[in-house]
Amino acid sequence: MGMEEEAQIMLISPAEPKGSPVKDQQAAGVGILLQIMMLVLSFVLGHVLRRHRVYFLPEASASLLIGLIVGGLANISNTETNIRAWFNFHEEFFFLFLLPPIIFQSGFSLSPKPFFSNFGAIVTFAILGTFIASVVTGGLVYLGGLMFLMYRLPFVECLMFGALISATDPVTVLSIFQELGTDVNLYALVFGESVLNDAMAISLYRTMSLVRSHAYSGKNFFFVIVRFLETFVGSLSAGLGVGFTSALLFKYAGLDIDNLQNLECCLFVLFPYFSYMLAEGFGLSGIVSILFTGMVMKHYTYSNLSEPSQQFVAEFFHLISSLAETFIFIYMGLDIAMEQHSWSHVGFIFFSILFIGVARAANVFSCAYLVNLVRPAHRKIPSNHQKALWYSGLRGAMAFALALQSIHDLPDGHGQTIFTATTAIVVLTVLLIGGSTGTMLEALQVVGDNDDHEYSLTENSDVSNGYIAPDSDEGSSRSRIKMKLREFHESTASFTALNRNYLTPFFKSRSGDDEENDNIGALIRGS
């Protein structure tokens, strides 16, 4: 009997075997503690750097370096295995918990005036430009493999790599833009392109992934186009539908009273995730859906909230997006220091960096040419702004998350090679390009030119036609392009009238934004 009691005592003693629930709980607790410590250090360091105007080490770069240092120390102290166990999560964690608040905040924080006045240029750079960058990158990587300059991948996988690496994340550049002060249109172009660019990149990646899994030949190019439109338009429709539904709910449910403000805030926070999961559940893109949900909820639903709830939701989404973005950069640093990467394919990394620079140039300068083609001389995008836009093409969270997913989507180590190249590109762009942004702005003379650039937004300047209005005095060789743009211009003006006369009264319960809507309409309609 004594032997049995001793055996029972051994079973419940603190010396639990490895892998037991107690050990797992302890490891999880230590991992969460380490993550919180790194987040606190990152935010404090970012505040100190921003306060002392240290632009060569932006906040994102500081977070990345913290992850690199902790991962390096783990390797030296032989605790790498334990730390990897504490940070043991999959790419689903990124797509389900970290990326949604970041993307929603991007759409939710769009400034209406500069965004709509530059709408034509933003769409051109984000949709057409991202497609050009993806195809150019994929084509160059494939040709590089054929010429034995780099690790050879199948053509469809090269296009997948081109799509994921075309996703830009200029959070570092934008923060420095705000600190130093730059042209409002340049800021709107960089920010607007990055927002819509993520949606385009993930749609292209998933379309190419589907093409690869079904082994479609060149004869099925029509299917590729249809599948892409199905994913993009379906996700957009889901996002708009959820956004407009939320606007009607908050307008007619009568939740903007004192004792229901908690319920009001909870429902507002849940709608973005509902949009995301709805799209993912139907095989669409949750990123695209939640982006447009954010834009609609800011323009229509937000004004239906009580003032305390408005303040809360604005601060809440800014908070969680900052936490998510900082954590992603920390994790990228840890991953680079600890994970096994395919560093044997150094040529693939080197030439990929060169190719994305070429592809970014093809994106920016070709799209800028098309935009300037229909602009009067005093309204063209200046060459220094085009160079700043090219320089702002940093890679970040979206490219990293898609590369992480490619490990499972692609066999035979191809995904691991792409993941290694992507992490190297992210580190290079964030540390080098992000750190030199301040110097770049000064060299291009775009610092502090908010009010003195001819195509800037001012109250008295003729900016109502933005980047999308044609010039009737151009040569006859451009008449066809101008006619198409006039049609687009007229349809945009019609949408503005529809928004002002029907959508706003139907979905909004307050008229406080009427003046803003009129200003937006004037910006789009033209004089």
Protein backbone atom coordinates (compact mmCIF):
# COMPACT_ATOMS: atom_id res chain seq x y z
CA MET A 1 0.00 0.00 0.00
CA GLY A 2 2.89 2.28 0.76
CA MET A 3 4.27 1.66 -2.72
CA GLU A 4 0.96 2.70 -4.30
CA GLU A 5 0.80 5.92 -2.25
CA GLU A 6 4.38 6.74 -3.22
CA ALA A 7 3.51 6.19 -6.87
CA GLN A 8 0.50 8.53 -6.56
CA ILE A 9 2.66 11.19 -4.91
CA MET A 10 5.15 10.91 -7.77
CA LEU A 11 2.33 11.40 -10.29
CA ILE A 12 1.20 14.69 -8.73
CA SER A 13 4.62 16.02 -7.71
CA PRO A 14 5.90 19.30 -9.17
CA ALA A 15 8.52 17.44 -11.19
CA GLU A 16 6.15 17.00 -14.09
CA PRO A 17 7.43 15.12 -17.14
CA LYS A 18 8.32 17.04 -20.26
CA GLY A 19 5.30 17.90 -22.36
CA SER A 20 2.87 17.79 -19.45
CA PRO A 21 0.13 20.46 -19.15
CA VAL A 22 1.95 22.12 -16.25
CA LYS A 23 5.16 22.41 -18.25
CA ASP A 24 3.30 23.67 -21.30
CA GLN A 25 1.49 26.27 -19.22
CA GLN A 26 4.75 27.42 -17.67
CA ALA A 27 6.43 27.68 -21.07
CA ALA A 28 3.47 29.64 -22.44
CA GLY A 29 3.62 32.02 -19.47
CA VAL A 30 7.34 32.64 -19.95
CA GLY A 31 6.81 33.15 -23.69
CA ILE A 32 4.05 35.71 -23.13
CA LEU A 33 6.20 37.49 -20.55
CA LEU A 34 9.09 37.69 -23.01
CA GLN A 35 6.80 39.01 -25.73
CA ILE A 36 5.39 41.70 -23.42
CA MET A 37 8.88 42.74 -22.36
CA MET A 38 9.98 43.12 -25.97
CA LEU A 39 6.83 45.08 -26.87
CA VAL A 40 7.38 47.44 -23.92
CA LEU A 41 11.03 47.90 -24.86
CA SER A 42 10.10 48.54 -28.48
CA PHE A 43 7.49 51.19 -27.65
CA VAL A 44 9.75 52.94 -25.14
CA LEU A 45 12.69 52.91 -27.55
CA GLY A 46 10.45 54.17 -30.36
CA HIS A 47 9.25 57.04 -28.18
CA VAL A 48 12.82 58.01 -27.27
CA LEU A 49 13.91 57.90 -30.90
CA ARG A 50 10.93 59.96 -32.03
CA ARG A 51 11.39 62.47 -29.23
CA HIS A 52 15.03 63.05 -30.14
CA ARG A 53 14.24 63.05 -33.89
CA VAL A 54 16.51 60.09 -34.67
CA TYR A 55 15.39 59.30 -38.19
CA PHE A 56 18.11 56.81 -39.16
CA LEU A 57 16.53 54.24 -36.80
CA PRO A 58 12.73 54.32 -37.19
CA GLU A 59 10.40 52.48 -34.81
CA ALA A 60 9.89 49.54 -37.17
CA SER A 61 13.65 49.15 -37.55
CA ALA A 62 14.07 49.29 -33.76
CA SER A 63 11.47 46.54 -33.29
CA LEU A 64 13.19 44.40 -35.90
CA LEU A 65 16.57 44.88 -34.23
CA ILE A 66 15.12 43.92 -30.82
CA GLY A 67 13.93 40.65 -32.30
CA LEU A 68 17.29 40.06 -33.95
CA ILE A 69 19.18 40.72 -30.70
CA VAL A 70 16.94 38.45 -28.60
CA GLY A 71 17.16 35.69 -31.20
CA GLY A 72 20.94 36.05 -31.40
CA LEU A 73 21.28 35.88 -27.61
CA ALA A 74 19.12 32.75 -27.60
CA ASN A 75 21.49 31.10 -30.07
CA ILE A 76 24.55 32.01 -27.99
CA SER A 77 23.00 30.84 -24.70
CA ASN A 78 21.69 27.56 -26.17
CA THR A 79 18.09 28.49 -25.28
CA GLU A 80 17.04 28.71 -28.91
CA THR A 81 14.83 25.61 -28.65
CA ASN A 82 12.97 26.96 -25.63
CA ILE A 83 12.35 30.38 -27.17
CA ARG A 84 11.18 28.79 -30.42
CA ALA A 85 8.72 26.75 -28.37
CA TRP A 86 7.47 29.92 -26.64
CA PHE A 87 6.90 31.55 -30.05
CA ASN A 88 5.38 28.44 -31.57
CA PHE A 89 2.55 29.69 -33.74
CA HIS A 90 1.66 29.31 -37.41
CA GLU A 91 0.89 31.70 -40.22
CA GLU A 92 -2.80 31.40 -39.34
CA PHE A 93 -1.98 33.54 -36.29
CA PHE A 94 -0.86 36.30 -38.62
CA PHE A 95 -3.83 36.11 -40.95
CA LEU A 96 -6.49 35.67 -38.27
CA PHE A 97 -5.27 37.90 -35.45
CA LEU A 98 -2.47 40.26 -36.49
CA LEU A 99 -3.17 41.35 -40.06
CA PRO A 100 -6.95 42.10 -39.78
CA PRO A 101 -6.59 45.04 -37.33
CA ILE A 102 -3.69 46.46 -39.35
CA ILE A 103 -5.62 46.35 -42.64
CA PHE A 104 -8.84 47.61 -41.07
CA GLN A 105 -7.01 50.55 -39.50
CA SER A 106 -5.52 51.36 -42.91
CA GLY A 107 -8.96 51.69 -44.46
CA PHE A 108 -10.45 53.31 -41.37
CA SER A 109 -7.80 56.04 -41.18
CA LEU A 110 -7.90 57.15 -44.82
CA SER A 111 -8.28 60.92 -45.09
CA PRO A 112 -11.18 61.55 -47.51
CA LYS A 113 -10.02 64.78 -49.16
CA PRO A 114 -6.52 63.84 -50.36
CA PHE A 115 -7.58 60.24 -51.04
CA PHE A 116 -10.51 61.11 -53.30
CA SER A 117 -8.70 63.98 -55.01
CA ASN A 118 -5.90 61.54 -55.90
CA PHE A 119 -8.22 58.58 -56.46
CA GLY A 120 -7.36 58.06 -60.13
CA ALA A 121 -3.61 58.06 -59.49
CA ILE A 122 -3.92 55.83 -56.41
CA VAL A 123 -5.96 53.23 -58.29
CA THR A 124 -3.51 53.35 -61.18
CA PHE A 125 -0.50 52.75 -58.95
CA ALA A 126 -2.21 50.17 -56.72
CA ILE A 127 -4.00 48.04 -59.32
CA LEU A 128 -2.15 48.44 -62.61
CA GLY A 129 1.18 49.18 -60.93
CA THR A 130 1.05 46.15 -58.62
CA PHE A 131 0.17 43.93 -61.57
CA ILE A 132 3.12 45.32 -63.54
CA ALA A 133 5.48 44.87 -60.59
CA SER A 134 4.30 41.29 -60.00
CA VAL A 135 4.69 40.25 -63.64
CA VAL A 136 8.05 42.00 -64.07
CA THR A 137 9.45 40.48 -60.87
CA GLY A 138 8.15 37.00 -61.68
CA GLY A 139 9.41 37.20 -65.26
CA LEU A 140 12.88 38.39 -64.26
CA VAL A 141 13.19 35.71 -61.56
CA TYR A 142 12.19 33.04 -64.08
CA LEU A 143 14.68 34.35 -66.67
CA GLY A 144 17.36 34.51 -63.99
CA GLY A 145 16.77 30.84 -63.27
CA LEU A 146 16.96 29.95 -66.97
CA MET A 147 20.29 31.80 -67.21
CA PHE A 148 21.61 29.98 -64.09
CA LEU A 149 22.02 33.26 -62.23
CA MET A 150 19.82 32.08 -59.39
CA TYR A 151 17.83 29.15 -58.05
CA ARG A 152 15.37 28.06 -60.72
CA LEU A 153 11.65 27.98 -59.95
CA PRO A 154 8.69 27.06 -62.17
CA PHE A 155 7.08 30.03 -63.93
CA VAL A 156 3.86 30.01 -61.88
CA GLU A 157 5.84 29.91 -58.64
CA CYS A 158 7.90 32.84 -59.88
CA LEU A 159 4.66 34.75 -60.41
CA MET A 160 3.56 33.81 -56.89
CA PHE A 161 6.82 35.22 -55.57
CA GLY A 162 6.35 38.33 -57.69
CA ALA A 163 2.85 38.83 -56.27
CA LEU A 164 3.79 38.44 -52.61
CA ILE A 165 6.94 40.55 -52.82
CA SER A 166 5.00 43.36 -54.54
CA ALA A 167 3.03 44.02 -51.34
CA THR A 168 4.44 47.26 -49.90
CA ASP A 169 4.34 48.40 -46.29
CA PRO A 170 5.74 51.95 -46.06
CA VAL A 171 4.87 52.41 -42.37
CA THR A 172 8.40 53.65 -41.67
CA VAL A 173 8.37 56.13 -44.55
CA LEU A 174 4.92 57.45 -43.66
CA SER A 175 5.89 58.06 -40.03
CA ILE A 176 8.88 60.11 -41.18
CA PHE A 177 6.67 61.91 -43.71
CA GLN A 178 4.49 63.01 -40.79
CA GLU A 179 7.45 64.03 -38.64
CA LEU A 180 9.22 66.10 -41.29
CA GLY A 181 6.16 67.31 -43.15
CA THR A 182 5.77 66.67 -46.87
CA ASP A 183 3.28 67.34 -49.64
CA VAL A 184 -0.19 66.09 -48.74
CA ASN A 185 -0.65 64.56 -52.20
CA LEU A 186 2.63 62.65 -51.97
CA TYR A 187 1.56 61.30 -48.58
CA ALA A 188 -1.84 60.35 -49.99
CA LEU A 189 -0.23 58.57 -52.95
CA VAL A 190 2.16 56.53 -50.79
CA PHE A 191 -0.47 55.67 -48.18
CA GLY A 192 -3.35 55.05 -50.61
CA GLU A 193 -1.21 52.87 -52.86
CA SER A 194 0.00 50.76 -49.93
CA VAL A 195 -3.57 50.21 -48.69
CA LEU A 196 -5.01 49.03 -52.02
CA ASN A 197 -1.73 47.37 -52.98
CA ASP A 198 -2.09 44.80 -50.17
CA ALA A 199 -5.51 43.81 -51.45
CA MET A 200 -4.24 43.47 -55.01
CA ALA A 201 -1.12 41.52 -54.00
CA ILE A 202 -2.96 38.93 -51.93
CA SER A 203 -5.58 38.46 -54.67
CA LEU A 204 -2.84 37.88 -57.25
CA TYR A 205 -1.01 35.48 -54.94
CA ARG A 206 -4.08 33.39 -54.24
CA THR A 207 -5.02 33.33 -57.91
CA MET A 208 -1.55 32.12 -58.90
CA SER A 209 -1.61 29.56 -56.08
CA LEU A 210 -4.91 28.22 -57.40
CA VAL A 211 -3.56 28.09 -60.94
CA ARG A 212 -0.54 26.14 -59.73
CA SER A 213 -2.57 23.64 -57.70
CA HIS A 214 -4.83 22.90 -60.69
CA ALA A 215 -1.96 22.88 -63.20
CA TYR A 216 -3.68 25.13 -65.70
CA SER A 217 -1.96 25.66 -69.03
CA GLY A 218 -1.58 28.82 -71.06
CA LYS A 219 -4.93 28.11 -72.71
CA ASN A 220 -6.63 28.74 -69.40
CA PHE A 221 -5.48 32.35 -69.14
CA PHE A 222 -9.12 33.41 -69.32
CA PHE A 223 -9.81 31.37 -66.19
CA VAL A 224 -7.00 33.16 -64.37
CA ILE A 225 -8.57 36.54 -65.13
CA VAL A 226 -12.03 35.33 -64.14
CA ARG A 227 -10.75 33.80 -60.90
CA PHE A 228 -8.90 36.96 -59.97
CA LEU A 229 -11.97 39.13 -60.65
CA GLU A 230 -14.12 36.67 -58.73
CA THR A 231 -11.83 36.86 -55.70
CA PHE A 232 -11.32 40.62 -55.78
CA VAL A 233 -14.87 41.69 -56.66
CA GLY A 234 -16.43 39.11 -54.35
CA SER A 235 -14.26 40.19 -51.43
CA LEU A 236 -14.95 43.84 -52.18
CA SER A 237 -18.70 43.17 -52.28
CA ALA A 238 -18.57 41.29 -48.98
CA GLY A 239 -16.70 44.16 -47.34
CA LEU A 240 -19.07 46.80 -48.67
CA GLY A 241 -22.11 44.74 -47.70
CA VAL A 242 -20.97 44.28 -44.10
CA GLY A 243 -20.00 47.95 -43.85
CA PHE A 244 -23.35 49.23 -45.10
CA THR A 245 -25.20 46.73 -42.90
CA SER A 246 -23.35 48.05 -39.85
CA ALA A 247 -24.27 51.62 -40.82
CA LEU A 248 -27.98 50.73 -40.96
CA LEU A 249 -27.80 48.83 -37.67
CA PHE A 250 -26.24 51.71 -35.77
CA LYS A 251 -28.56 54.23 -37.40
CA TYR A 252 -31.85 52.51 -36.52
CA ALA A 253 -31.00 50.37 -33.46
CA GLY A 254 -30.85 53.36 -31.11
CA LEU A 255 -27.63 52.30 -29.39
CA ASP A 256 -26.19 55.80 -28.96
CA ILE A 257 -27.51 56.32 -25.44
CA ASP A 258 -25.54 56.34 -22.21
CA ASN A 259 -26.35 52.90 -20.85
CA LEU A 260 -25.77 51.12 -24.20
CA GLN A 261 -22.38 52.55 -25.13
CA ASN A 262 -20.58 49.34 -24.14
CA LEU A 263 -22.82 47.34 -26.46
CA GLU A 264 -22.32 49.94 -29.18
CA CYS A 265 -18.54 49.66 -28.97
CA CYS A 266 -18.58 45.85 -28.81
CA LEU A 267 -20.72 45.58 -31.94
CA PHE A 268 -18.56 48.06 -33.83
CA VAL A 269 -15.41 46.07 -32.98
CA LEU A 270 -17.00 42.77 -34.04
CA PHE A 271 -18.17 43.88 -37.49
CA PRO A 272 -14.66 44.06 -39.05
CA TYR A 273 -13.86 40.52 -37.92
CA PHE A 274 -17.26 39.37 -39.17
CA SER A 275 -16.39 40.80 -42.59
CA TYR A 276 -13.00 39.10 -42.56
CA MET A 277 -14.29 35.68 -41.54
CA LEU A 278 -17.22 35.89 -43.95
CA ALA A 279 -14.90 36.37 -46.90
CA GLU A 280 -12.48 33.67 -45.72
CA GLY A 281 -15.35 31.26 -45.18
CA PHE A 282 -16.43 31.62 -48.81
CA GLY A 283 -12.88 31.18 -50.13
CA LEU A 284 -12.41 34.89 -50.85
CA SER A 285 -9.86 37.35 -49.50
CA GLY A 286 -10.56 38.52 -45.96
CA ILE A 287 -7.87 41.20 -46.31
CA VAL A 288 -9.69 42.83 -49.25
CA SER A 289 -13.03 42.53 -47.48
CA ILE A 290 -11.95 44.07 -44.17
CA LEU A 291 -10.14 46.90 -45.98
CA PHE A 292 -13.31 48.10 -47.71
CA THR A 293 -15.33 47.45 -44.56
CA GLY A 294 -13.01 49.87 -42.79
CA MET A 295 -13.49 52.52 -45.46
CA VAL A 296 -17.28 52.22 -45.39
CA MET A 297 -17.53 52.08 -41.59
CA LYS A 298 -15.41 55.22 -41.27
CA HIS A 299 -17.46 57.15 -43.81
CA TYR A 300 -20.96 56.00 -42.82
CA THR A 301 -21.07 53.94 -39.61
CA TYR A 302 -18.70 56.06 -37.55
CA SER A 303 -20.97 59.12 -37.61
CA ASN A 304 -23.86 57.02 -36.25
CA LEU A 305 -22.00 56.36 -33.00
CA SER A 306 -22.21 58.46 -29.88
CA GLU A 307 -19.27 60.79 -29.30
CA PRO A 308 -17.71 58.70 -26.48
CA SER A 309 -17.96 55.59 -28.66
CA GLN A 310 -16.39 57.40 -31.58
CA GLN A 311 -13.43 58.33 -29.45
CA PHE A 312 -13.11 54.81 -28.06
CA VAL A 313 -13.22 52.90 -31.37
CA ALA A 314 -10.76 55.31 -33.03
CA GLU A 315 -8.25 54.87 -30.21
CA PHE A 316 -8.92 51.13 -29.88
CA PHE A 317 -8.18 50.22 -33.50
CA HIS A 318 -5.14 52.49 -33.54
CA LEU A 319 -3.90 50.72 -30.40
CA ILE A 320 -4.33 47.14 -31.56
CA SER A 321 -2.95 47.88 -35.03
CA SER A 322 0.17 49.43 -33.45
CA LEU A 323 0.58 46.41 -31.18
CA ALA A 324 0.10 43.98 -34.05
CA GLU A 325 2.50 45.76 -36.37
CA THR A 326 5.19 46.09 -33.70
CA PHE A 327 4.84 42.43 -32.78
CA ILE A 328 5.20 41.38 -36.41
CA PHE A 329 8.49 43.23 -36.78
CA ILE A 330 9.75 41.74 -33.50
CA TYR A 331 8.79 38.25 -34.63
CA MET A 332 10.46 38.75 -38.00
CA GLY A 333 13.69 39.60 -36.19
CA LEU A 334 13.39 36.52 -33.98
CA ASP A 335 12.61 34.30 -36.94
CA ILE A 336 15.59 35.52 -38.95
CA ALA A 337 17.93 34.88 -36.02
CA MET A 338 16.61 31.44 -35.02
CA GLU A 339 14.91 29.66 -37.92
CA GLN A 340 16.61 27.51 -40.50
CA HIS A 341 16.84 29.44 -43.75
CA SER A 342 17.99 28.43 -47.21
CA TRP A 343 21.02 30.71 -47.17
CA SER A 344 22.69 28.42 -49.71
CA HIS A 345 20.74 30.22 -52.44
CA VAL A 346 22.45 33.58 -51.93
CA GLY A 347 22.18 34.30 -55.65
CA PHE A 348 18.41 34.07 -55.46
CA ILE A 349 18.36 36.66 -52.66
CA PHE A 350 20.82 39.02 -54.36
CA PHE A 351 19.15 39.03 -57.77
CA SER A 352 15.68 39.17 -56.23
CA ILE A 353 16.63 42.43 -54.51
CA LEU A 354 17.81 43.84 -57.84
CA PHE A 355 14.73 42.61 -59.68
CA ILE A 356 12.22 44.11 -57.25
CA GLY A 357 14.00 47.46 -57.60
CA VAL A 358 13.61 47.24 -61.37
CA ALA A 359 9.99 46.11 -61.03
CA ARG A 360 9.21 48.95 -58.61
CA ALA A 361 10.68 51.42 -61.10
CA ALA A 362 8.58 49.91 -63.90
CA ASN A 363 5.54 50.22 -61.65
CA VAL A 364 6.02 53.81 -60.51
CA PHE A 365 7.44 55.51 -63.57
CA SER A 366 5.16 53.83 -66.12
CA CYS A 367 2.04 54.58 -64.07
CA ALA A 368 3.21 58.13 -63.41
CA TYR A 369 3.68 58.56 -67.15
CA LEU A 370 0.11 57.42 -67.78
CA VAL A 371 -1.22 59.75 -65.11
CA ASN A 372 0.81 62.70 -66.38
CA LEU A 373 -0.23 61.93 -69.94
CA VAL A 374 -3.66 63.40 -69.29
CA ARG A 375 -2.67 66.17 -66.92
CA PRO A 376 -2.02 69.80 -67.73
CA ALA A 377 1.57 70.91 -67.33
CA HIS A 378 1.09 72.52 -63.93
CA ARG A 379 -0.71 69.46 -62.55
CA LYS A 380 1.75 66.67 -63.38
CA ILE A 381 3.31 64.51 -60.67
CA PRO A 382 6.83 65.97 -60.26
CA SER A 383 9.82 63.75 -60.94
CA ASN A 384 11.09 64.15 -57.36
CA HIS A 385 7.75 62.86 -56.05
CA GLN A 386 7.95 59.91 -58.44
CA LYS A 387 11.40 59.08 -57.07
CA ALA A 388 10.12 59.39 -53.50
CA LEU A 389 7.25 57.04 -54.38
CA TRP A 390 9.72 54.54 -55.86
CA TYR A 391 11.93 54.77 -52.79
CA SER A 392 8.94 54.22 -50.49
CA GLY A 393 8.31 50.67 -51.65
CA LEU A 394 9.35 48.92 -48.44
CA ARG A 395 8.29 45.33 -47.83
CA GLY A 396 6.78 44.36 -44.50
CA ALA A 397 4.04 42.40 -42.77
CA MET A 398 1.99 41.32 -45.79
CA ALA A 399 4.97 40.07 -47.80
CA PHE A 400 6.31 38.24 -44.74
CA ALA A 401 2.96 36.57 -43.98
CA LEU A 402 2.44 35.46 -47.59
CA ALA A 403 6.00 34.13 -47.73
CA LEU A 404 5.33 32.20 -44.52
CA GLN A 405 2.27 30.69 -46.16
CA SER A 406 4.26 29.80 -49.27
CA ILE A 407 6.27 27.29 -47.22
CA HIS A 408 3.13 25.14 -47.07
CA ASP A 409 1.85 26.05 -50.55
CA LEU A 410 5.04 25.11 -52.39
CA PRO A 411 6.89 21.77 -52.19
CA ASP A 412 10.52 20.64 -52.42
CA GLY A 413 11.98 23.53 -50.48
CA HIS A 414 10.80 26.14 -52.98
CA GLY A 415 8.68 27.83 -50.35
CA GLN A 416 11.59 27.88 -47.92
CA THR A 417 13.78 29.57 -50.52
CA ILE A 418 11.11 32.21 -51.19
CA PHE A 419 10.62 32.73 -47.44
CA THR A 420 14.34 33.24 -46.88
CA ALA A 421 14.59 35.73 -49.76
CA THR A 422 11.52 37.61 -48.51
CA THR A 423 12.83 37.95 -44.95
CA ALA A 424 16.17 39.20 -46.28
CA ILE A 425 14.39 41.75 -48.48
CA VAL A 426 12.19 42.92 -45.60
CA VAL A 427 15.20 43.41 -43.33
CA LEU A 428 17.16 45.24 -46.02
CA THR A 429 14.33 47.60 -46.95
CA VAL A 430 13.27 48.32 -43.37
CA LEU A 431 16.76 48.90 -41.99
CA LEU A 432 18.52 50.55 -44.94
CA ILE A 433 15.74 52.25 -46.88
CA GLY A 434 13.68 53.08 -43.80
CA GLY A 435 16.72 54.45 -42.02
CA SER A 436 17.74 56.63 -44.95
CA THR A 437 14.28 58.03 -45.66
CA GLY A 438 14.97 61.35 -43.94
CA THR A 439 18.10 61.89 -46.02
CA MET A 440 16.20 60.88 -49.16
CA LEU A 441 13.42 63.41 -48.52
CA GLU A 442 15.93 66.17 -48.03
CA ALA A 443 17.90 65.21 -51.15
CA LEU A 444 14.71 65.16 -53.25
CA GLN A 445 13.60 68.48 -51.68
CA VAL A 446 10.15 67.24 -50.73
CA VAL A 447 10.43 68.08 -47.03
CA GLY A 448 8.08 70.73 -45.75
CA ASP A 449 6.51 71.49 -49.14
CA ASN A 450 2.94 71.17 -47.98
CA ASP A 451 1.87 74.58 -49.17
CA ASP A 452 4.25 75.60 -51.88
CA HIS A 453 3.89 72.83 -54.43
CA GLU A 454 1.65 73.71 -57.34
CA TYR A 455 -0.36 70.52 -57.23
CA SER A 456 -0.81 70.57 -53.44
CA LEU A 457 -4.23 70.70 -51.86
CA THR A 458 -5.15 74.17 -50.70
CA GLU A 459 -8.48 75.81 -50.24
CA ASN A 460 -8.05 78.22 -53.13
CA SER A 461 -6.14 76.07 -55.58
CA ASP A 462 -7.85 74.40 -58.48
CA VAL A 463 -7.51 70.84 -57.29
CA SER A 464 -11.02 69.69 -57.89
CA ASN A 465 -10.03 67.41 -60.76
CA GLY A 466 -7.23 65.70 -58.82
CA TYR A 467 -5.07 63.35 -60.88
CA ILE A 468 -7.95 62.06 -62.95
CA ALA A 469 -9.21 65.02 -64.88
CA PRO A 470 -8.28 65.39 -68.55
CA ASP A 471 -6.98 68.53 -70.17
CA SER A 472 -9.10 69.60 -73.14
CA ASP A 473 -6.23 71.56 -74.72
CA GLU A 474 -3.91 68.57 -75.28
CA GLY A 475 -3.05 67.32 -78.75
CA SER A 476 -5.44 65.28 -80.86
CA SER A 477 -3.26 62.17 -80.53
CA ARG A 478 -4.47 61.80 -76.95
CA SER A 479 -8.15 62.42 -77.66
CA ARG A 480 -9.20 58.79 -77.20
CA ILE A 481 -7.54 58.54 -73.80
CA LYS A 482 -9.07 61.85 -72.81
CA MET A 483 -12.51 60.71 -73.89
CA LYS A 484 -12.25 57.61 -71.70
CA LEU A 485 -11.05 59.70 -68.78
CA ARG A 486 -13.89 62.15 -69.26
CA GLU A 487 -16.31 59.24 -69.06
CA PHE A 488 -14.62 58.09 -65.87
CA HIS A 489 -14.67 61.67 -64.61
CA GLU A 490 -18.40 61.97 -65.30
CA SER A 491 -19.14 58.61 -63.65
CA THR A 492 -17.13 59.68 -60.61
CA ALA A 493 -19.10 62.90 -60.41
CA SER A 494 -22.30 60.89 -60.70
CA PHE A 495 -21.21 58.67 -57.83
CA THR A 496 -20.44 61.78 -55.77
CA ALA A 497 -23.95 63.08 -56.40
CA LEU A 498 -25.36 59.64 -55.56
CA ASN A 499 -23.37 59.60 -52.33
CA ARG A 500 -24.42 63.09 -51.31
CA ASN A 501 -28.09 62.84 -52.30
CA TYR A 502 -28.93 59.22 -51.47
CA LEU A 503 -26.27 57.16 -49.69
CA THR A 504 -25.37 59.68 -47.00
CA PRO A 505 -28.97 60.48 -45.99
CA PHE A 506 -29.89 56.79 -46.09
CA PHE A 507 -26.95 55.40 -44.07
CA LYS A 508 -26.11 58.34 -41.81
CA SER A 509 -28.14 59.69 -38.93
CA ARG A 510 -26.09 62.87 -38.54
CA SER A 511 -25.44 65.70 -40.95
CA GLY A 512 -22.20 66.81 -39.36
CA ASP A 513 -20.20 65.51 -42.30
CA ASP A 514 -22.24 67.28 -44.97
CA GLU A 515 -19.63 69.97 -45.46
CA GLU A 516 -16.92 67.33 -45.77
CA ASN A 517 -19.00 65.42 -48.31
CA ASP A 518 -19.47 68.59 -50.34
CA ASN A 519 -15.73 69.21 -50.28
CA ILE A 520 -15.03 65.66 -51.42
CA GLY A 521 -17.61 66.02 -54.15
CA ALA A 522 -16.00 69.25 -55.31
CA LEU A 523 -12.59 67.61 -55.33
CA ILE A 524 -13.82 64.85 -57.59
CA ARG A 525 -16.30 66.65 -59.85
CA GLY A 526 -14.00 69.38 -61.04
CA SER A 527 -14.69 73.01 -61.68
